[in-house]
PDB file of N, CA and C in Angstrom:
ATOM      1  N   UNK A   1       6.620 -36.069   8.199  1.00  0.00           N
ATOM      2  CA  UNK A   1       6.273 -36.977   7.675  1.00  0.00           C
ATOM      3  C   UNK A   1       4.690 -37.148   7.058  1.00  0.00           C
ATOM      4  N   UNK A   2       4.772 -37.035   6.150  1.00  0.00           N
ATOM      5  CA  UNK A   2       2.956 -37.860   5.465  1.00  0.00           C
ATOM      6  C   UNK A   2       2.381 -38.454   6.442  1.00  0.00           C
ATOM      7  N   UNK A   3       1.027 -38.226   6.004  1.00  0.00           N
ATOM      8  CA  UNK A   3       0.258 -38.008   7.105  1.00  0.00           C
ATOM      9  C   UNK A   3      -0.052 -40.322   6.926  1.00  0.00           C
ATOM     10  N   UNK A   4      -1.286 -40.447   7.680  1.00  0.00           N
ATOM     11  CA  UNK A   4      -1.015 -41.938   7.853  1.00  0.00           C
ATOM     12  C   UNK A   4      -1.962 -42.474   7.209  1.00  0.00           C
ATOM     13  N   UNK A   5      -1.523 -43.984   6.088  1.00  0.00           N
ATOM     14  CA  UNK A   5      -2.328 -44.372   4.991  1.00  0.00           C
ATOM     15  C   UNK A   5      -3.542 -44.366   5.896  1.00  0.00           C
ATOM     16  N   UNK A   6      -4.874 -44.645   5.343  1.00  0.00           N
ATOM     17  CA  UNK A   6      -6.007 -45.706   5.471  1.00  0.00           C
ATOM     18  C   UNK A   6      -6.025 -46.796   5.092  1.00  0.00           C
ATOM     19  N   UNK A   7      -5.856 -47.985   5.932  1.00  0.00           N
ATOM     20  CA  UNK A   7      -5.646 -49.380   5.511  1.00  0.00           C
ATOM     21  C   UNK A   7      -6.555 -50.384   5.752  1.00  0.00           C
ATOM     22  N   UNK A   8      -7.537 -50.873   5.155  1.00  0.00           N
ATOM     23  CA  UNK A   8      -8.567 -52.284   5.372  1.00  0.00           C
ATOM     24  C   UNK A   8      -8.198 -53.560   5.181  1.00  0.00           C
ATOM     25  N   UNK A   9      -8.117 -54.306   5.743  1.00  0.00           N
ATOM     26  CA  UNK A   9      -7.783 -55.588   5.197  1.00  0.00           C
ATOM     27  C   UNK A   9      -8.624 -56.737   5.664  1.00  0.00           C
ATOM     28  N   UNK A  10      -9.527 -57.306   5.144  1.00  0.00           N
ATOM     29  CA  UNK A  10     -11.066 -58.573   5.223  1.00  0.00           C
ATOM     30  C   UNK A  10     -10.265 -59.939   4.743  1.00  0.00           C
ATOM     31  N   UNK A  11     -10.488 -61.045   5.447  1.00  0.00           N
ATOM     32  CA  UNK A  11     -10.163 -62.295   4.873  1.00  0.00           C
ATOM     33  C   UNK A  11     -11.479 -62.984   5.262  1.00  0.00           C
ATOM     34  N   UNK A  12     -12.004 -63.838   3.812  1.00  0.00           N
ATOM     35  CA  UNK A  12     -12.912 -64.596   3.759  1.00  0.00           C
ATOM     36  C   UNK A  12     -12.554 -65.847   2.660  1.00  0.00           C
ATOM     37  N   UNK A  13     -12.782 -66.854   3.087  1.00  0.00           N
ATOM     38  CA  UNK A  13     -12.614 -67.678   2.174  1.00  0.00           C
ATOM     39  C   UNK A  13     -11.603 -68.291   1.504  1.00  0.00           C
ATOM     40  N   UNK A  14     -10.028 -68.304   2.403  1.00  0.00           N
ATOM     41  CA  UNK A  14      -8.960 -68.102   1.978  1.00  0.00           C
ATOM     42  C   UNK A  14      -8.613 -66.887   1.125  1.00  0.00           C
ATOM     43  N   UNK A  15      -8.903 -65.804   0.859  1.00  0.00           N
ATOM     44  CA  UNK A  15      -8.883 -64.254   0.161  1.00  0.00           C
ATOM     45  C   UNK A  15      -8.456 -63.652   0.794  1.00  0.00           C
ATOM     46  N   UNK A  16      -7.464 -63.006   1.106  1.00  0.00           N
ATOM     47  CA  UNK A  16      -7.474 -61.126   1.528  1.00  0.00           C
ATOM     48  C   UNK A  16      -7.714 -60.420   0.612  1.00  0.00           C
ATOM     49  N   UNK A  17      -8.955 -59.337   1.074  1.00  0.00           N
ATOM     50  CA  UNK A  17      -9.011 -58.306   0.377  1.00  0.00           C
ATOM     51  C   UNK A  17      -8.515 -56.831   0.654  1.00  0.00           C
ATOM     52  N   UNK A  18      -7.554 -56.250   0.462  1.00  0.00           N
ATOM     53  CA  UNK A  18      -6.767 -54.769   1.061  1.00  0.00           C
ATOM     54  C   UNK A  18      -7.365 -53.806   0.235  1.00  0.00           C
ATOM     55  N   UNK A  19      -7.619 -53.041   0.935  1.00  0.00           N
ATOM     56  CA  UNK A  19      -7.829 -51.261   0.355  1.00  0.00           C
ATOM     57  C   UNK A  19      -7.051 -50.182   1.277  1.00  0.00           C
ATOM     58  N   UNK A  20      -6.262 -49.269   0.352  1.00  0.00           N
ATOM     59  CA  UNK A  20      -5.711 -48.503   1.314  1.00  0.00           C
ATOM     60  C   UNK A  20      -5.876 -47.005   0.433  1.00  0.00           C
ATOM     61  N   UNK A  21      -5.926 -46.166   1.271  1.00  0.00           N
ATOM     62  CA  UNK A  21      -6.160 -44.972   0.854  1.00  0.00           C
ATOM     63  C   UNK A  21      -4.406 -43.985   1.383  1.00  0.00           C
ATOM     64  N   UNK A  22      -3.611 -43.738   0.553  1.00  0.00           N
ATOM     65  CA  UNK A  22      -2.573 -42.931   0.747  1.00  0.00           C
ATOM     66  C   UNK A  22      -2.604 -41.472   0.633  1.00  0.00           C
ATOM     67  N   UNK A  23      -2.146 -40.489   1.417  1.00  0.00           N
ATOM     68  CA  UNK A  23      -1.768 -39.026   1.390  1.00  0.00           C
ATOM     69  C   UNK A  23      -0.852 -38.936   0.643  1.00  0.00           C
ATOM     70  N   UNK A  24      -0.930 -38.124  -0.118  1.00  0.00           N
ATOM     71  CA  UNK A  24       0.104 -37.874  -1.024  1.00  0.00           C
ATOM     72  C   UNK A  24       0.384 -36.558  -2.125  1.00  0.00           C
ATOM     73  N   UNK A  25       0.444 -35.436  -1.959  1.00  0.00           N
ATOM     74  CA  UNK A  25       0.419 -34.846  -3.471  1.00  0.00           C
ATOM     75  C   UNK A  25       0.339 -35.321  -4.928  1.00  0.00           C
ATOM     76  N   UNK A  26       1.636 -36.084  -5.334  1.00  0.00           N
ATOM     77  CA  UNK A  26       1.630 -36.761  -6.306  1.00  0.00           C
ATOM     78  C   UNK A  26       1.684 -35.360  -7.670  1.00  0.00           C
ATOM     79  N   UNK A  27       2.466 -34.955  -7.199  1.00  0.00           N
ATOM     80  CA  UNK A  27       2.939 -33.587  -8.207  1.00  0.00           C
ATOM     81  C   UNK A  27       3.428 -34.274  -9.067  1.00  0.00           C
ATOM     82  N   UNK A  28       3.330 -33.845 -10.736  1.00  0.00           N
ATOM     83  CA  UNK A  28       3.872 -34.827 -11.676  1.00  0.00           C
ATOM     84  C   UNK A  28       4.772 -33.643 -12.100  1.00  0.00           C
ATOM     85  N   UNK A  29       4.759 -32.183 -11.924  1.00  0.00           N
ATOM     86  CA  UNK A  29       6.105 -31.407 -11.947  1.00  0.00           C
ATOM     87  C   UNK A  29       5.751 -30.275 -13.507  1.00  0.00           C
ATOM     88  N   UNK A  30       4.554 -30.528 -14.148  1.00  0.00           N
ATOM     89  CA  UNK A  30       4.513 -29.553 -15.185  1.00  0.00           C
ATOM     90  C   UNK A  30       3.316 -28.927 -14.515  1.00  0.00           C
ATOM     91  N   UNK A  31       2.511 -29.070 -13.820  1.00  0.00           N
ATOM     92  CA  UNK A  31       1.480 -28.000 -13.647  1.00  0.00           C
ATOM     93  C   UNK A  31       1.997 -26.471 -12.907  1.00  0.00           C
ATOM     94  N   UNK A  32       1.213 -25.533 -13.581  1.00  0.00           N
ATOM     95  CA  UNK A  32       2.252 -24.097 -12.410  1.00  0.00           C
ATOM     96  C   UNK A  32       1.569 -23.651 -11.833  1.00  0.00           C
ATOM     97  N   UNK A  33       1.833 -22.752 -10.394  1.00  0.00           N
ATOM     98  CA  UNK A  33       1.203 -22.429  -9.510  1.00  0.00           C
ATOM     99  C   UNK A  33       0.888 -21.065  -9.811  1.00  0.00           C
ATOM    100  N   UNK A  34       0.120 -20.000  -9.456  1.00  0.00           N
ATOM    101  CA  UNK A  34      -0.245 -18.866  -9.495  1.00  0.00           C
ATOM    102  C   UNK A  34       0.240 -18.076  -9.787  1.00  0.00           C
ATOM    103  N   UNK A  35       1.607 -17.553  -9.644  1.00  0.00           N
ATOM    104  CA  UNK A  35       2.580 -16.836  -9.607  1.00  0.00           C
ATOM    105  C   UNK A  35       3.221 -17.167 -11.426  1.00  0.00           C
ATOM    106  N   UNK A  36       2.775 -18.218 -11.778  1.00  0.00           N
ATOM    107  CA  UNK A  36       3.436 -18.825 -13.224  1.00  0.00           C
ATOM    108  C   UNK A  36       4.574 -19.538 -12.965  1.00  0.00           C
ATOM    109  N   UNK A  37       4.825 -20.211 -11.322  1.00  0.00           N
ATOM    110  CA  UNK A  37       5.971 -21.099 -11.285  1.00  0.00           C
ATOM    111  C   UNK A  37       5.752 -22.700 -11.453  1.00  0.00           C
ATOM    112  N   UNK A  38       6.551 -23.165 -11.919  1.00  0.00           N
ATOM    113  CA  UNK A  38       6.444 -24.719 -12.144  1.00  0.00           C
ATOM    114  C   UNK A  38       6.605 -25.413 -10.703  1.00  0.00           C
ATOM    115  N   UNK A  39       5.239 -26.214 -10.276  1.00  0.00           N
ATOM    116  CA  UNK A  39       5.094 -26.734  -9.030  1.00  0.00           C
ATOM    117  C   UNK A  39       6.575 -28.223  -9.190  1.00  0.00           C
ATOM    118  N   UNK A  40       7.172 -28.408  -8.730  1.00  0.00           N
ATOM    119  CA  UNK A  40       7.947 -29.611  -8.626  1.00  0.00           C
ATOM    120  C   UNK A  40       7.758 -30.589  -8.041  1.00  0.00           C
ATOM    121  N   UNK A  41       8.221 -31.657  -8.854  1.00  0.00           N
ATOM    122  CA  UNK A  41       7.663 -33.046  -9.092  1.00  0.00           C
ATOM    123  C   UNK A  41       8.030 -33.455  -7.648  1.00  0.00           C
ATOM    124  N   UNK A  42       6.670 -34.379  -7.177  1.00  0.00           N
ATOM    125  CA  UNK A  42       6.616 -35.309  -6.068  1.00  0.00           C
ATOM    126  C   UNK A  42       5.436 -36.174  -5.673  1.00  0.00           C
ATOM    127  N   UNK A  43       6.394 -37.343  -6.379  1.00  0.00           N
ATOM    128  CA  UNK A  43       5.317 -38.266  -6.602  1.00  0.00           C
ATOM    129  C   UNK A  43       5.978 -39.579  -5.643  1.00  0.00           C
ATOM    130  N   UNK A  44       5.210 -40.686  -5.589  1.00  0.00           N
ATOM    131  CA  UNK A  44       5.346 -42.059  -5.481  1.00  0.00           C
ATOM    132  C   UNK A  44       5.906 -42.709  -6.092  1.00  0.00           C
ATOM    133  N   UNK A  45       6.370 -43.226  -6.314  1.00  0.00           N
ATOM    134  CA  UNK A  45       7.705 -44.162  -6.845  1.00  0.00           C
ATOM    135  C   UNK A  45       7.463 -45.839  -6.647  1.00  0.00           C
ATOM    136  N   UNK A  46       7.396 -46.092  -5.574  1.00  0.00           N
ATOM    137  CA  UNK A  46       7.696 -47.252  -5.373  1.00  0.00           C
ATOM    138  C   UNK A  46       6.740 -47.876  -3.925  1.00  0.00           C
ATOM    139  N   UNK A  47       5.570 -49.040  -4.529  1.00  0.00           N
ATOM    140  CA  UNK A  47       4.516 -49.373  -3.285  1.00  0.00           C
ATOM    141  C   UNK A  47       5.134 -51.263  -3.107  1.00  0.00           C
ATOM    142  N   UNK A  48       4.966 -51.642  -1.530  1.00  0.00           N
ATOM    143  CA  UNK A  48       5.039 -52.436  -1.338  1.00  0.00           C
ATOM    144  C   UNK A  48       4.311 -52.960  -0.521  1.00  0.00           C
ATOM    145  N   UNK A  49       3.566 -54.183  -0.659  1.00  0.00           N
ATOM    146  CA  UNK A  49       3.008 -54.435   0.409  1.00  0.00           C
ATOM    147  C   UNK A  49       3.161 -56.092   0.438  1.00  0.00           C
ATOM    148  N   UNK A  50       3.178 -56.060   2.433  1.00  0.00           N
ATOM    149  CA  UNK A  50       3.324 -57.193   2.774  1.00  0.00           C
ATOM    150  C   UNK A  50       2.707 -58.136   3.947  1.00  0.00           C
ATOM    151  N   UNK A  51       2.449 -59.681   3.738  1.00  0.00           N
ATOM    152  CA  UNK A  51       1.265 -60.304   4.587  1.00  0.00           C
ATOM    153  C   UNK A  51       2.422 -60.662   5.653  1.00  0.00           C
ATOM    154  N   UNK A  52       2.592 -60.438   6.659  1.00  0.00           N
ATOM    155  CA  UNK A  52       4.021 -60.864   7.738  1.00  0.00           C
ATOM    156  C   UNK A  52       4.880 -60.245   6.804  1.00  0.00           C
ATOM    157  N   UNK A  53       5.318 -61.347   6.560  1.00  0.00           N
ATOM    158  CA  UNK A  53       7.305 -61.020   5.792  1.00  0.00           C
ATOM    159  C   UNK A  53       7.050 -61.292   4.104  1.00  0.00           C
ATOM    160  N   UNK A  54       5.899 -61.774   3.749  1.00  0.00           N
ATOM    161  CA  UNK A  54       5.806 -62.461   2.318  1.00  0.00           C
ATOM    162  C   UNK A  54       5.062 -61.311   1.688  1.00  0.00           C
ATOM    163  N   UNK A  55       6.243 -60.865   0.573  1.00  0.00           N
ATOM    164  CA  UNK A  55       5.531 -59.620  -0.733  1.00  0.00           C
ATOM    165  C   UNK A  55       4.676 -60.078  -1.325  1.00  0.00           C
ATOM    166  N   UNK A  56       3.674 -59.376  -1.001  1.00  0.00           N
ATOM    167  CA  UNK A  56       2.360 -59.917  -2.201  1.00  0.00           C
ATOM    168  C   UNK A  56       1.589 -58.843  -2.943  1.00  0.00           C
ATOM    169  N   UNK A  57       2.331 -57.599  -3.085  1.00  0.00           N
ATOM    170  CA  UNK A  57       2.177 -56.551  -3.861  1.00  0.00           C
ATOM    171  C   UNK A  57       3.437 -55.997  -4.155  1.00  0.00           C
ATOM    172  N   UNK A  58       4.405 -55.410  -5.362  1.00  0.00           N
ATOM    173  CA  UNK A  58       5.283 -54.771  -5.304  1.00  0.00           C
ATOM    174  C   UNK A  58       4.777 -53.997  -6.853  1.00  0.00           C
ATOM    175  N   UNK A  59       4.996 -52.773  -6.370  1.00  0.00           N
ATOM    176  CA  UNK A  59       4.798 -51.892  -8.139  1.00  0.00           C
ATOM    177  C   UNK A  59       5.750 -50.533  -7.806  1.00  0.00           C
ATOM    178  N   UNK A  60       5.780 -49.829  -9.036  1.00  0.00           N
ATOM    179  CA  UNK A  60       6.244 -48.877  -9.462  1.00  0.00           C
ATOM    180  C   UNK A  60       5.533 -48.074 -10.152  1.00  0.00           C
ATOM    181  N   UNK A  61       4.981 -46.710  -9.538  1.00  0.00           N
ATOM    182  CA  UNK A  61       4.203 -45.531 -10.032  1.00  0.00           C
ATOM    183  C   UNK A  61       5.125 -44.501 -10.520  1.00  0.00           C
ATOM    184  N   UNK A  62       4.542 -43.632 -11.177  1.00  0.00           N
ATOM    185  CA  UNK A  62       5.262 -42.838 -11.848  1.00  0.00           C
ATOM    186  C   UNK A  62       4.060 -41.517 -11.608  1.00  0.00           C
ATOM    187  N   UNK A  63       4.510 -39.996 -12.344  1.00  0.00           N
ATOM    188  CA  UNK A  63       3.902 -38.807 -12.381  1.00  0.00           C
ATOM    189  C   UNK A  63       2.641 -38.989 -12.747  1.00  0.00           C
ATOM    190  N   UNK A  64       1.945 -40.120 -13.470  1.00  0.00           N
ATOM    191  CA  UNK A  64       0.659 -39.868 -13.754  1.00  0.00           C
ATOM    192  C   UNK A  64      -0.711 -40.558 -13.018  1.00  0.00           C
ATOM    193  N   UNK A  65       0.302 -40.895 -11.625  1.00  0.00           N
ATOM    194  CA  UNK A  65      -1.264 -41.363 -10.706  1.00  0.00           C
ATOM    195  C   UNK A  65      -1.683 -39.981  -9.867  1.00  0.00           C
ATOM    196  N   UNK A  66      -2.695 -39.931  -9.572  1.00  0.00           N
ATOM    197  CA  UNK A  66      -3.492 -39.057  -9.291  1.00  0.00           C
ATOM    198  C   UNK A  66      -3.010 -38.441  -7.383  1.00  0.00           C
ATOM    199  N   UNK A  67      -3.469 -37.260  -7.560  1.00  0.00           N
ATOM    200  CA  UNK A  67      -3.310 -37.307  -5.782  1.00  0.00           C
ATOM    201  C   UNK A  67      -4.255 -37.967  -4.917  1.00  0.00           C
ATOM    202  N   UNK A  68      -3.489 -38.090  -3.290  1.00  0.00           N
ATOM    203  CA  UNK A  68      -4.128 -38.951  -2.574  1.00  0.00           C
ATOM    204  C   UNK A  68      -4.290 -40.152  -3.459  1.00  0.00           C
ATOM    205  N   UNK A  69      -3.231 -41.108  -3.889  1.00  0.00           N
ATOM    206  CA  UNK A  69      -4.087 -42.172  -4.684  1.00  0.00           C
ATOM    207  C   UNK A  69      -4.555 -43.859  -3.994  1.00  0.00           C
ATOM    208  N   UNK A  70      -5.884 -44.537  -4.354  1.00  0.00           N
ATOM    209  CA  UNK A  70      -6.470 -45.472  -3.751  1.00  0.00           C
ATOM    210  C   UNK A  70      -5.960 -47.032  -4.170  1.00  0.00           C
ATOM    211  N   UNK A  71      -5.491 -47.990  -3.282  1.00  0.00           N
ATOM    212  CA  UNK A  71      -4.994 -49.081  -4.068  1.00  0.00           C
ATOM    213  C   UNK A  71      -6.309 -50.116  -3.429  1.00  0.00           C
ATOM    214  N   UNK A  72      -6.493 -51.227  -4.583  1.00  0.00           N
ATOM    215  CA  UNK A  72      -7.196 -52.261  -3.391  1.00  0.00           C
ATOM    216  C   UNK A  72      -6.745 -53.396  -4.793  1.00  0.00           C
ATOM    217  N   UNK A  73      -6.610 -54.431  -3.797  1.00  0.00           N
ATOM    218  CA  UNK A  73      -6.641 -56.037  -4.350  1.00  0.00           C
ATOM    219  C   UNK A  73      -6.086 -56.823  -3.363  1.00  0.00           C
ATOM    220  N   UNK A  74      -6.553 -57.932  -4.296  1.00  0.00           N
ATOM    221  CA  UNK A  74      -6.803 -59.163  -3.694  1.00  0.00           C
ATOM    222  C   UNK A  74      -5.736 -60.196  -3.319  1.00  0.00           C
ATOM    223  N   UNK A  75      -5.283 -61.076  -2.306  1.00  0.00           N
ATOM    224  CA  UNK A  75      -4.377 -62.287  -2.296  1.00  0.00           C
ATOM    225  C   UNK A  75      -4.746 -63.092  -1.586  1.00  0.00           C
ATOM    226  N   UNK A  76      -4.193 -64.506  -2.449  1.00  0.00           N
ATOM    227  CA  UNK A  76      -4.668 -65.702  -1.389  1.00  0.00           C
ATOM    228  C   UNK A  76      -4.057 -65.851  -0.389  1.00  0.00           C
ATOM    229  N   UNK A  77      -4.783 -66.236   0.638  1.00  0.00           N
ATOM    230  CA  UNK A  77      -4.231 -66.507   1.946  1.00  0.00           C
ATOM    231  C   UNK A  77      -4.584 -65.215   3.228  1.00  0.00           C
ATOM    232  N   UNK A  78      -3.563 -65.509   4.275  1.00  0.00           N
ATOM    233  CA  UNK A  78      -4.366 -64.149   5.313  1.00  0.00           C
ATOM    234  C   UNK A  78      -5.388 -65.090   5.888  1.00  0.00           C
ATOM    235  N   UNK A  79      -5.333 -64.720   7.058  1.00  0.00           N
ATOM    236  CA  UNK A  79      -6.602 -65.122   7.949  1.00  0.00           C
ATOM    237  C   UNK A  79      -6.521 -63.691   9.651  1.00  0.00           C
ATOM    238  N   UNK A  80      -7.684 -63.790   9.728  1.00  0.00           N
ATOM    239  CA  UNK A  80      -7.929 -62.749  10.992  1.00  0.00           C
ATOM    240  C   UNK A  80      -6.762 -62.827  11.768  1.00  0.00           C
ATOM    241  N   UNK A  81      -6.388 -61.864  12.401  1.00  0.00           N
ATOM    242  CA  UNK A  81      -5.445 -61.580  13.416  1.00  0.00           C
ATOM    243  C   UNK A  81      -4.090 -61.232  12.640  1.00  0.00           C
ATOM    244  N   UNK A  82      -3.920 -61.969  11.478  1.00  0.00           N
ATOM    245  CA  UNK A  82      -2.295 -61.871  10.890  1.00  0.00           C
ATOM    246  C   UNK A  82      -2.382 -59.585  10.414  1.00  0.00           C
ATOM    247  N   UNK A  83      -0.944 -59.885   9.955  1.00  0.00           N
ATOM    248  CA  UNK A  83      -0.493 -58.175   9.901  1.00  0.00           C
ATOM    249  C   UNK A  83      -0.013 -58.003   8.382  1.00  0.00           C
ATOM    250  N   UNK A  84      -1.084 -56.988   7.961  1.00  0.00           N
ATOM    251  CA  UNK A  84      -0.361 -56.486   6.818  1.00  0.00           C
ATOM    252  C   UNK A  84       0.673 -55.434   6.543  1.00  0.00           C
ATOM    253  N   UNK A  85       1.406 -54.644   5.875  1.00  0.00           N
ATOM    254  CA  UNK A  85       1.576 -53.495   5.767  1.00  0.00           C
ATOM    255  C   UNK A  85       2.350 -52.980   4.883  1.00  0.00           C
ATOM    256  N   UNK A  86       1.829 -51.489   4.596  1.00  0.00           N
ATOM    257  CA  UNK A  86       2.025 -51.269   3.302  1.00  0.00           C
ATOM    258  C   UNK A  86       3.095 -50.065   3.136  1.00  0.00           C
ATOM    259  N   UNK A  87       4.112 -50.020   1.950  1.00  0.00           N
ATOM    260  CA  UNK A  87       5.493 -49.191   1.853  1.00  0.00           C
ATOM    261  C   UNK A  87       5.600 -48.282   1.310  1.00  0.00           C
ATOM    262  N   UNK A  88       5.288 -47.101   0.639  1.00  0.00           N
ATOM    263  CA  UNK A  88       6.013 -46.362  -0.114  1.00  0.00           C
ATOM    264  C   UNK A  88       7.225 -45.538   0.283  1.00  0.00           C
ATOM    265  N   UNK A  89       7.196 -45.265  -1.170  1.00  0.00           N
ATOM    266  CA  UNK A  89       8.914 -44.080  -1.096  1.00  0.00           C
ATOM    267  C   UNK A  89       8.539 -43.362  -2.438  1.00  0.00           C
ATOM    268  N   UNK A  90       8.691 -42.163  -2.295  1.00  0.00           N
ATOM    269  CA  UNK A  90       8.884 -40.942  -2.937  1.00  0.00           C
ATOM    270  C   UNK A  90      10.245 -40.707  -3.797  1.00  0.00           C
ATOM    271  N   UNK A  91      10.009 -40.052  -5.216  1.00  0.00           N
ATOM    272  CA  UNK A  91      10.982 -39.509  -6.105  1.00  0.00           C
ATOM    273  C   UNK A  91      11.848 -38.001  -4.736  1.00  0.00           C
ATOM    274  N   UNK A  92      11.436 -37.698  -3.832  1.00  0.00           N
ATOM    275  CA  UNK A  92      11.885 -37.101  -3.428  1.00  0.00           C
ATOM    276  C   UNK A  92      12.923 -37.786  -2.067  1.00  0.00           C
ATOM    277  N   UNK A  93      12.955 -39.036  -1.336  1.00  0.00           N
ATOM    278  CA  UNK A  93      13.746 -40.008  -0.900  1.00  0.00           C
ATOM    279  C   UNK A  93      12.241 -39.888   0.134  1.00  0.00           C
ATOM    280  N   UNK A  94      11.123 -39.296   0.569  1.00  0.00           N
ATOM    281  CA  UNK A  94      10.400 -39.694   1.468  1.00  0.00           C
ATOM    282  C   UNK A  94      10.124 -41.122   1.622  1.00  0.00           C
ATOM    283  N   UNK A  95       9.238 -41.587   2.892  1.00  0.00           N
ATOM    284  CA  UNK A  95       8.708 -42.968   2.682  1.00  0.00           C
ATOM    285  C   UNK A  95       8.028 -43.280   4.184  1.00  0.00           C
ATOM    286  N   UNK A  96       7.266 -44.285   3.940  1.00  0.00           N
ATOM    287  CA  UNK A  96       6.150 -44.228   4.646  1.00  0.00           C
ATOM    288  C   UNK A  96       5.800 -45.343   5.140  1.00  0.00           C
ATOM    289  N   UNK A  97       5.738 -46.110   6.115  1.00  0.00           N
ATOM    290  CA  UNK A  97       4.830 -47.684   5.915  1.00  0.00           C
ATOM    291  C   UNK A  97       4.039 -47.722   7.192  1.00  0.00           C
ATOM    292  N   UNK A  98       2.562 -48.578   7.308  1.00  0.00           N
ATOM    293  CA  UNK A  98       1.791 -48.480   7.709  1.00  0.00           C
ATOM    294  C   UNK A  98       1.366 -49.835   7.803  1.00  0.00           C
ATOM    295  N   UNK A  99       0.381 -50.397   8.908  1.00  0.00           N
ATOM    296  CA  UNK A  99      -0.137 -51.440   8.876  1.00  0.00           C
ATOM    297  C   UNK A  99      -0.907 -51.904  10.153  1.00  0.00           C
ATOM    298  N   UNK A 100      -1.963 -53.300   9.227  1.00  0.00           N
ATOM    299  CA  UNK A 100      -3.085 -53.070   9.488  1.00  0.00           C
ATOM    300  C   UNK A 100      -3.292 -54.628  10.333  1.00  0.00           C
ATOM    301  N   UNK A 101      -4.290 -54.922  11.145  1.00  0.00           N
ATOM    302  CA  UNK A 101      -4.522 -56.134  11.263  1.00  0.00           C
ATOM    303  C   UNK A 101      -5.347 -56.838  10.722  1.00  0.00           C
ATOM    304  N   UNK A 102      -5.840 -58.177   9.977  1.00  0.00           N
ATOM    305  CA  UNK A 102      -6.668 -58.314   9.384  1.00  0.00           C
ATOM    306  C   UNK A 102      -7.705 -58.657   9.720  1.00  0.00           C
ATOM    307  N   UNK A 103      -9.181 -58.502   9.594  1.00  0.00           N
ATOM    308  CA  UNK A 103     -10.341 -58.599  10.028  1.00  0.00           C
ATOM    309  C   UNK A 103     -11.061 -59.638   9.414  1.00  0.00           C
TER     310      UNK A 103
END
């Protein structure tokens, strides 16, 4: 399973700011290794962020996103002590979900 995501969520004045660093190789499937063999595609395809049970961000990614992607966004609502969870799934069927308490 993939390394844990580094997530921070801070609430101020009715707005919650979320910052996420995801550990993932994000291989596009076009690069060659030292032996000249194509490195197989391996990239995140879907990301979902929830505040409690409410989806606040949902996106689809492709091969052009860089290795170890960083995602930052804000949403209205959220308070200190609430939970924000981030989930991703990749093209090989691997997935990860991590959560953080809003500060």
